[in-house]
Amino acid sequence: MDDRAGVAIAYRHGLTVTGTLGVLDLAARRGLVDLATAFAKLRATNFRYPPEIMDALLAQHREEKT
């Protein structure tokens, strides 16, 4: 969930919060999606994100595959 107010409420209720990049990372780790493809599609939208996070996640996935 990327909505700040919703995130604050979720934390207050003891829920774990995961954003879009976290969901895609988890899906890739479970073999449900190809992370590079998913990120490429996401980059083609108006989704706002810190590019460094995407780059770090992609690098981590590449390292884990080798």
PDB file of N, CA and C in Angstrom:
ATOM      1  N   MET A   1       0.849  -1.161   0.000  1.00  0.00           N
ATOM      2  CA  MET A   1       0.000   0.000   0.000  1.00  0.00           C
ATOM      3  C   MET A   1       0.901   1.232   0.000  1.00  0.00           C
ATOM      4  N   ASP A   2       0.656   2.151  -0.917  1.00  0.00           N
ATOM      5  CA  ASP A   2       1.517   3.324  -1.033  1.00  0.00           C
ATOM      6  C   ASP A   2       0.874   4.599  -0.481  1.00  0.00           C
ATOM      7  N   ASP A   3      -0.335   4.521  -0.017  1.00  0.00           N
ATOM      8  CA  ASP A   3      -1.033   5.673   0.540  1.00  0.00           C
ATOM      9  C   ASP A   3      -0.545   5.905   1.966  1.00  0.00           C
ATOM     10  N   ARG A   4       0.022   7.072   2.236  1.00  0.00           N
ATOM     11  CA  ARG A   4       0.641   7.329   3.549  1.00  0.00           C
ATOM     12  C   ARG A   4      -0.342   7.202   4.715  1.00  0.00           C
ATOM     13  N   ALA A   5      -1.543   7.711   4.547  1.00  0.00           N
ATOM     14  CA  ALA A   5      -2.527   7.616   5.629  1.00  0.00           C
ATOM     15  C   ALA A   5      -2.892   6.153   5.883  1.00  0.00           C
ATOM     16  N   GLY A   6      -3.072   5.397   4.815  1.00  0.00           N
ATOM     17  CA  GLY A   6      -3.392   3.984   4.961  1.00  0.00           C
ATOM     18  C   GLY A   6      -2.266   3.207   5.613  1.00  0.00           C
ATOM     19  N   VAL A   7      -1.044   3.541   5.254  1.00  0.00           N
ATOM     20  CA  VAL A   7       0.119   2.895   5.849  1.00  0.00           C
ATOM     21  C   VAL A   7       0.165   3.172   7.349  1.00  0.00           C
ATOM     22  N   ALA A   8      -0.066   4.411   7.738  1.00  0.00           N
ATOM     23  CA  ALA A   8      -0.046   4.776   9.162  1.00  0.00           C
ATOM     24  C   ALA A   8      -1.103   3.990   9.932  1.00  0.00           C
ATOM     25  N   ILE A   9      -2.281   3.870   9.371  1.00  0.00           N
ATOM     26  CA  ILE A   9      -3.354   3.122  10.036  1.00  0.00           C
ATOM     27  C   ILE A   9      -2.989   1.639  10.130  1.00  0.00           C
ATOM     28  N   ALA A  10      -2.431   1.096   9.056  1.00  0.00           N
ATOM     29  CA  ALA A  10      -2.028  -0.312   9.072  1.00  0.00           C
ATOM     30  C   ALA A  10      -0.994  -0.568  10.159  1.00  0.00           C
ATOM     31  N   TYR A  11       0.000   0.307  10.275  1.00  0.00           N
ATOM     32  CA  TYR A  11       1.011   0.155  11.318  1.00  0.00           C
ATOM     33  C   TYR A  11       0.378   0.202  12.701  1.00  0.00           C
ATOM     34  N   ARG A  12      -0.546   1.116  12.900  1.00  0.00           N
ATOM     35  CA  ARG A  12      -1.214   1.232  14.205  1.00  0.00           C
ATOM     36  C   ARG A  12      -1.977  -0.037  14.562  1.00  0.00           C
ATOM     37  N   HIS A  13      -2.420  -0.758  13.560  1.00  0.00           N
ATOM     38  CA  HIS A  13      -3.142  -2.006  13.803  1.00  0.00           C
ATOM     39  C   HIS A  13      -2.223  -3.236  13.773  1.00  0.00           C
ATOM     40  N   GLY A  14      -0.925  -2.990  13.712  1.00  0.00           N
ATOM     41  CA  GLY A  14       0.042  -4.073  13.758  1.00  0.00           C
ATOM     42  C   GLY A  14       0.186  -4.864  12.468  1.00  0.00           C
ATOM     43  N   LEU A  15      -0.254  -4.294  11.357  1.00  0.00           N
ATOM     44  CA  LEU A  15      -0.164  -4.986  10.078  1.00  0.00           C
ATOM     45  C   LEU A  15       1.182  -4.726   9.412  1.00  0.00           C
ATOM     46  N   THR A  16       1.618  -5.669   8.622  1.00  0.00           N
ATOM     47  CA  THR A  16       2.827  -5.504   7.833  1.00  0.00           C
ATOM     48  C   THR A  16       2.465  -4.761   6.557  1.00  0.00           C
ATOM     49  N   VAL A  17       3.268  -3.792   6.199  1.00  0.00           N
ATOM     50  CA  VAL A  17       2.999  -2.979   5.015  1.00  0.00           C
ATOM     51  C   VAL A  17       4.041  -3.299   3.957  1.00  0.00           C
ATOM     52  N   THR A  18       3.579  -3.556   2.747  1.00  0.00           N
ATOM     53  CA  THR A  18       4.466  -3.825   1.619  1.00  0.00           C
ATOM     54  C   THR A  18       3.980  -3.019   0.430  1.00  0.00           C
ATOM     55  N   GLY A  19       4.885  -2.291  -0.191  1.00  0.00           N
ATOM     56  CA  GLY A  19       4.530  -1.486  -1.356  1.00  0.00           C
ATOM     57  C   GLY A  19       4.629  -2.282  -2.643  1.00  0.00           C
ATOM     58  N   THR A  20       4.417  -1.609  -3.733  1.00  0.00           N
ATOM     59  CA  THR A  20       4.411  -2.239  -5.046  1.00  0.00           C
ATOM     60  C   THR A  20       5.728  -2.958  -5.337  1.00  0.00           C
ATOM     61  N   LEU A  21       6.846  -2.302  -5.076  1.00  0.00           N
ATOM     62  CA  LEU A  21       8.142  -2.930  -5.362  1.00  0.00           C
ATOM     63  C   LEU A  21       8.358  -4.154  -4.484  1.00  0.00           C
ATOM     64  N   GLY A  22       7.919  -4.087  -3.253  1.00  0.00           N
ATOM     65  CA  GLY A  22       8.041  -5.232  -2.353  1.00  0.00           C
ATOM     66  C   GLY A  22       7.201  -6.415  -2.804  1.00  0.00           C
ATOM     67  N   VAL A  23       6.004  -6.137  -3.291  1.00  0.00           N
ATOM     68  CA  VAL A  23       5.138  -7.205  -3.789  1.00  0.00           C
ATOM     69  C   VAL A  23       5.771  -7.860  -5.015  1.00  0.00           C
ATOM     70  N   LEU A  24       6.296  -7.049  -5.923  1.00  0.00           N
ATOM     71  CA  LEU A  24       6.943  -7.604  -7.118  1.00  0.00           C
ATOM     72  C   LEU A  24       8.196  -8.394  -6.756  1.00  0.00           C
ATOM     73  N   ASP A  25       8.957  -7.910  -5.794  1.00  0.00           N
ATOM     74  CA  ASP A  25      10.152  -8.617  -5.331  1.00  0.00           C
ATOM     75  C   ASP A  25       9.766  -9.983  -4.777  1.00  0.00           C
ATOM     76  N   LEU A  26       8.760 -10.027  -3.936  1.00  0.00           N
ATOM     77  CA  LEU A  26       8.311 -11.288  -3.350  1.00  0.00           C
ATOM     78  C   LEU A  26       7.786 -12.239  -4.425  1.00  0.00           C
ATOM     79  N   ALA A  27       7.022 -11.710  -5.374  1.00  0.00           N
ATOM     80  CA  ALA A  27       6.500 -12.544  -6.460  1.00  0.00           C
ATOM     81  C   ALA A  27       7.642 -13.127  -7.291  1.00  0.00           C
ATOM     82  N   ALA A  28       8.675 -12.333  -7.534  1.00  0.00           N
ATOM     83  CA  ALA A  28       9.829 -12.823  -8.303  1.00  0.00           C
ATOM     84  C   ALA A  28      10.570 -13.906  -7.527  1.00  0.00           C
ATOM     85  N   ARG A  29      10.716 -13.732  -6.235  1.00  0.00           N
ATOM     86  CA  ARG A  29      11.396 -14.733  -5.411  1.00  0.00           C
ATOM     87  C   ARG A  29      10.638 -16.056  -5.401  1.00  0.00           C
ATOM     88  N   ARG A  30       9.329 -15.981  -5.561  1.00  0.00           N
ATOM     89  CA  ARG A  30       8.503 -17.190  -5.587  1.00  0.00           C
ATOM     90  C   ARG A  30       8.344 -17.751  -7.000  1.00  0.00           C
ATOM     91  N   GLY A  31       9.002 -17.102  -7.967  1.00  0.00           N
ATOM     92  CA  GLY A  31       8.961 -17.585  -9.337  1.00  0.00           C
ATOM     93  C   GLY A  31       7.674 -17.253 -10.078  1.00  0.00           C
ATOM     94  N   LEU A  32       6.927 -16.289  -9.577  1.00  0.00           N
ATOM     95  CA  LEU A  32       5.649 -15.940 -10.190  1.00  0.00           C
ATOM     96  C   LEU A  32       5.773 -14.909 -11.297  1.00  0.00           C
ATOM     97  N   VAL A  33       6.805 -14.077 -11.235  1.00  0.00           N
ATOM     98  CA  VAL A  33       7.035 -13.057 -12.260  1.00  0.00           C
ATOM     99  C   VAL A  33       8.534 -12.928 -12.496  1.00  0.00           C
ATOM    100  N   ASP A  34       8.882 -12.409 -13.652  1.00  0.00           N
ATOM    101  CA  ASP A  34      10.264 -12.046 -13.927  1.00  0.00           C
ATOM    102  C   ASP A  34      10.430 -10.589 -13.494  1.00  0.00           C
ATOM    103  N   LEU A  35      11.298 -10.347 -12.535  1.00  0.00           N
ATOM    104  CA  LEU A  35      11.417  -9.015 -11.948  1.00  0.00           C
ATOM    105  C   LEU A  35      11.833  -7.966 -12.969  1.00  0.00           C
ATOM    106  N   ALA A  36      12.786  -8.283 -13.836  1.00  0.00           N
ATOM    107  CA  ALA A  36      13.240  -7.308 -14.833  1.00  0.00           C
ATOM    108  C   ALA A  36      12.101  -6.912 -15.767  1.00  0.00           C
ATOM    109  N   THR A  37      11.309  -7.878 -16.183  1.00  0.00           N
ATOM    110  CA  THR A  37      10.174  -7.593 -17.058  1.00  0.00           C
ATOM    111  C   THR A  37       9.122  -6.752 -16.333  1.00  0.00           C
ATOM    112  N   ALA A  38       8.833  -7.129 -15.103  1.00  0.00           N
ATOM    113  CA  ALA A  38       7.835  -6.386 -14.322  1.00  0.00           C
ATOM    114  C   ALA A  38       8.279  -4.938 -14.109  1.00  0.00           C
ATOM    115  N   PHE A  39       9.554  -4.749 -13.783  1.00  0.00           N
ATOM    116  CA  PHE A  39      10.063  -3.388 -13.572  1.00  0.00           C
ATOM    117  C   PHE A  39      10.052  -2.589 -14.869  1.00  0.00           C
ATOM    118  N   ALA A  40      10.381  -3.234 -15.980  1.00  0.00           N
ATOM    119  CA  ALA A  40      10.355  -2.536 -17.273  1.00  0.00           C
ATOM    120  C   ALA A  40       8.947  -2.042 -17.575  1.00  0.00           C
ATOM    121  N   LYS A  41       7.957  -2.870 -17.312  1.00  0.00           N
ATOM    122  CA  LYS A  41       6.566  -2.464 -17.537  1.00  0.00           C
ATOM    123  C   LYS A  41       6.167  -1.349 -16.581  1.00  0.00           C
ATOM    124  N   LEU A  42       6.623  -1.424 -15.351  1.00  0.00           N
ATOM    125  CA  LEU A  42       6.300  -0.400 -14.364  1.00  0.00           C
ATOM    126  C   LEU A  42       6.938   0.940 -14.734  1.00  0.00           C
ATOM    127  N   ARG A  43       8.160   0.887 -15.251  1.00  0.00           N
ATOM    128  CA  ARG A  43       8.848   2.114 -15.663  1.00  0.00           C
ATOM    129  C   ARG A  43       8.111   2.835 -16.795  1.00  0.00           C
ATOM    130  N   ALA A  44       7.339   2.092 -17.569  1.00  0.00           N
ATOM    131  CA  ALA A  44       6.604   2.677 -18.693  1.00  0.00           C
ATOM    132  C   ALA A  44       5.307   3.370 -18.252  1.00  0.00           C
ATOM    133  N   THR A  45       5.038   3.352 -16.950  1.00  0.00           N
ATOM    134  CA  THR A  45       3.833   3.991 -16.425  1.00  0.00           C
ATOM    135  C   THR A  45       4.210   5.276 -15.693  1.00  0.00           C
ATOM    136  N   ASN A  46       3.241   5.882 -15.039  1.00  0.00           N
ATOM    137  CA  ASN A  46       3.512   7.090 -14.252  1.00  0.00           C
ATOM    138  C   ASN A  46       3.807   6.752 -12.786  1.00  0.00           C
ATOM    139  N   PHE A  47       4.146   5.503 -12.505  1.00  0.00           N
ATOM    140  CA  PHE A  47       4.488   5.075 -11.150  1.00  0.00           C
ATOM    141  C   PHE A  47       5.723   5.824 -10.674  1.00  0.00           C
ATOM    142  N   ARG A  48       5.637   6.409  -9.497  1.00  0.00           N
ATOM    143  CA  ARG A  48       6.783   7.136  -8.931  1.00  0.00           C
ATOM    144  C   ARG A  48       7.536   6.212  -7.986  1.00  0.00           C
ATOM    145  N   TYR A  49       8.844   6.192  -8.133  1.00  0.00           N
ATOM    146  CA  TYR A  49       9.672   5.293  -7.352  1.00  0.00           C
ATOM    147  C   TYR A  49      11.098   5.820  -7.330  1.00  0.00           C
ATOM    148  N   PRO A  50      11.861   5.466  -6.321  1.00  0.00           N
ATOM    149  CA  PRO A  50      13.292   5.779  -6.330  1.00  0.00           C
ATOM    150  C   PRO A  50      14.000   4.761  -7.229  1.00  0.00           C
ATOM    151  N   PRO A  51      14.561   5.180  -8.363  1.00  0.00           N
ATOM    152  CA  PRO A  51      15.213   4.229  -9.277  1.00  0.00           C
ATOM    153  C   PRO A  51      16.301   3.404  -8.599  1.00  0.00           C
ATOM    154  N   GLU A  52      16.942   3.960  -7.579  1.00  0.00           N
ATOM    155  CA  GLU A  52      18.006   3.226  -6.890  1.00  0.00           C
ATOM    156  C   GLU A  52      17.464   1.951  -6.249  1.00  0.00           C
ATOM    157  N   ILE A  53      16.222   1.998  -5.790  1.00  0.00           N
ATOM    158  CA  ILE A  53      15.645   0.808  -5.160  1.00  0.00           C
ATOM    159  C   ILE A  53      15.425  -0.280  -6.201  1.00  0.00           C
ATOM    160  N   MET A  54      14.872   0.092  -7.340  1.00  0.00           N
ATOM    161  CA  MET A  54      14.676  -0.893  -8.408  1.00  0.00           C
ATOM    162  C   MET A  54      16.012  -1.480  -8.843  1.00  0.00           C
ATOM    163  N   ASP A  55      16.997  -0.630  -9.034  1.00  0.00           N
ATOM    164  CA  ASP A  55      18.323  -1.095  -9.461  1.00  0.00           C
ATOM    165  C   ASP A  55      18.922  -2.059  -8.439  1.00  0.00           C
ATOM    166  N   ALA A  56      18.784  -1.739  -7.155  1.00  0.00           N
ATOM    167  CA  ALA A  56      19.322  -2.596  -6.097  1.00  0.00           C
ATOM    168  C   ALA A  56      18.601  -3.939  -6.061  1.00  0.00           C
ATOM    169  N   LEU A  57      17.287  -3.930  -6.205  1.00  0.00           N
ATOM    170  CA  LEU A  57      16.528  -5.183  -6.200  1.00  0.00           C
ATOM    171  C   LEU A  57      16.907  -6.053  -7.403  1.00  0.00           C
ATOM    172  N   LEU A  58      17.044  -5.438  -8.569  1.00  0.00           N
ATOM    173  CA  LEU A  58      17.448  -6.190  -9.759  1.00  0.00           C
ATOM    174  C   LEU A  58      18.840  -6.794  -9.584  1.00  0.00           C
ATOM    175  N   ALA A  59      19.771  -6.013  -9.041  1.00  0.00           N
ATOM    176  CA  ALA A  59      21.130  -6.514  -8.810  1.00  0.00           C
ATOM    177  C   ALA A  59      21.115  -7.673  -7.824  1.00  0.00           C
ATOM    178  N   GLN A  60      20.314  -7.548  -6.781  1.00  0.00           N
ATOM    179  CA  GLN A  60      20.216  -8.610  -5.781  1.00  0.00           C
ATOM    180  C   GLN A  60      19.666  -9.892  -6.405  1.00  0.00           C
ATOM    181  N   HIS A  61      18.657  -9.779  -7.250  1.00  0.00           N
ATOM    182  CA  HIS A  61      18.088 -10.946  -7.907  1.00  0.00           C
ATOM    183  C   HIS A  61      19.093 -11.590  -8.861  1.00  0.00           C
ATOM    184  N   ARG A  62      19.843 -10.759  -9.573  1.00  0.00           N
ATOM    185  CA  ARG A  62      20.871 -11.313 -10.481  1.00  0.00           C
ATOM    186  C   ARG A  62      21.926 -12.077  -9.696  1.00  0.00           C
ATOM    187  N   GLU A  63      22.352 -11.529  -8.546  1.00  0.00           N
ATOM    188  CA  GLU A  63      23.365 -12.193  -7.715  1.00  0.00           C
ATOM    189  C   GLU A  63      22.848 -13.521  -7.174  1.00  0.00           C
ATOM    190  N   GLU A  64      21.589 -13.550  -6.789  1.00  0.00           N
ATOM    191  CA  GLU A  64      21.019 -14.770  -6.209  1.00  0.00           C
ATOM    192  C   GLU A  64      20.875 -15.876  -7.252  1.00  0.00           C
ATOM    193  N   LYS A  65      20.734 -15.491  -8.516  1.00  0.00           N
ATOM    194  CA  LYS A  65      20.588 -16.496  -9.578  1.00  0.00           C
ATOM    195  C   LYS A  65      21.916 -17.123  -9.956  1.00  0.00           C
ATOM    196  N   THR A  66      23.025 -16.473  -9.615  1.00  0.00           N
ATOM    197  CA  THR A  66      24.342 -17.008  -9.982  1.00  0.00           C
ATOM    198  C   THR A  66      24.956 -17.806  -8.853  1.00  0.00           C
TER     199      THR A  66
END
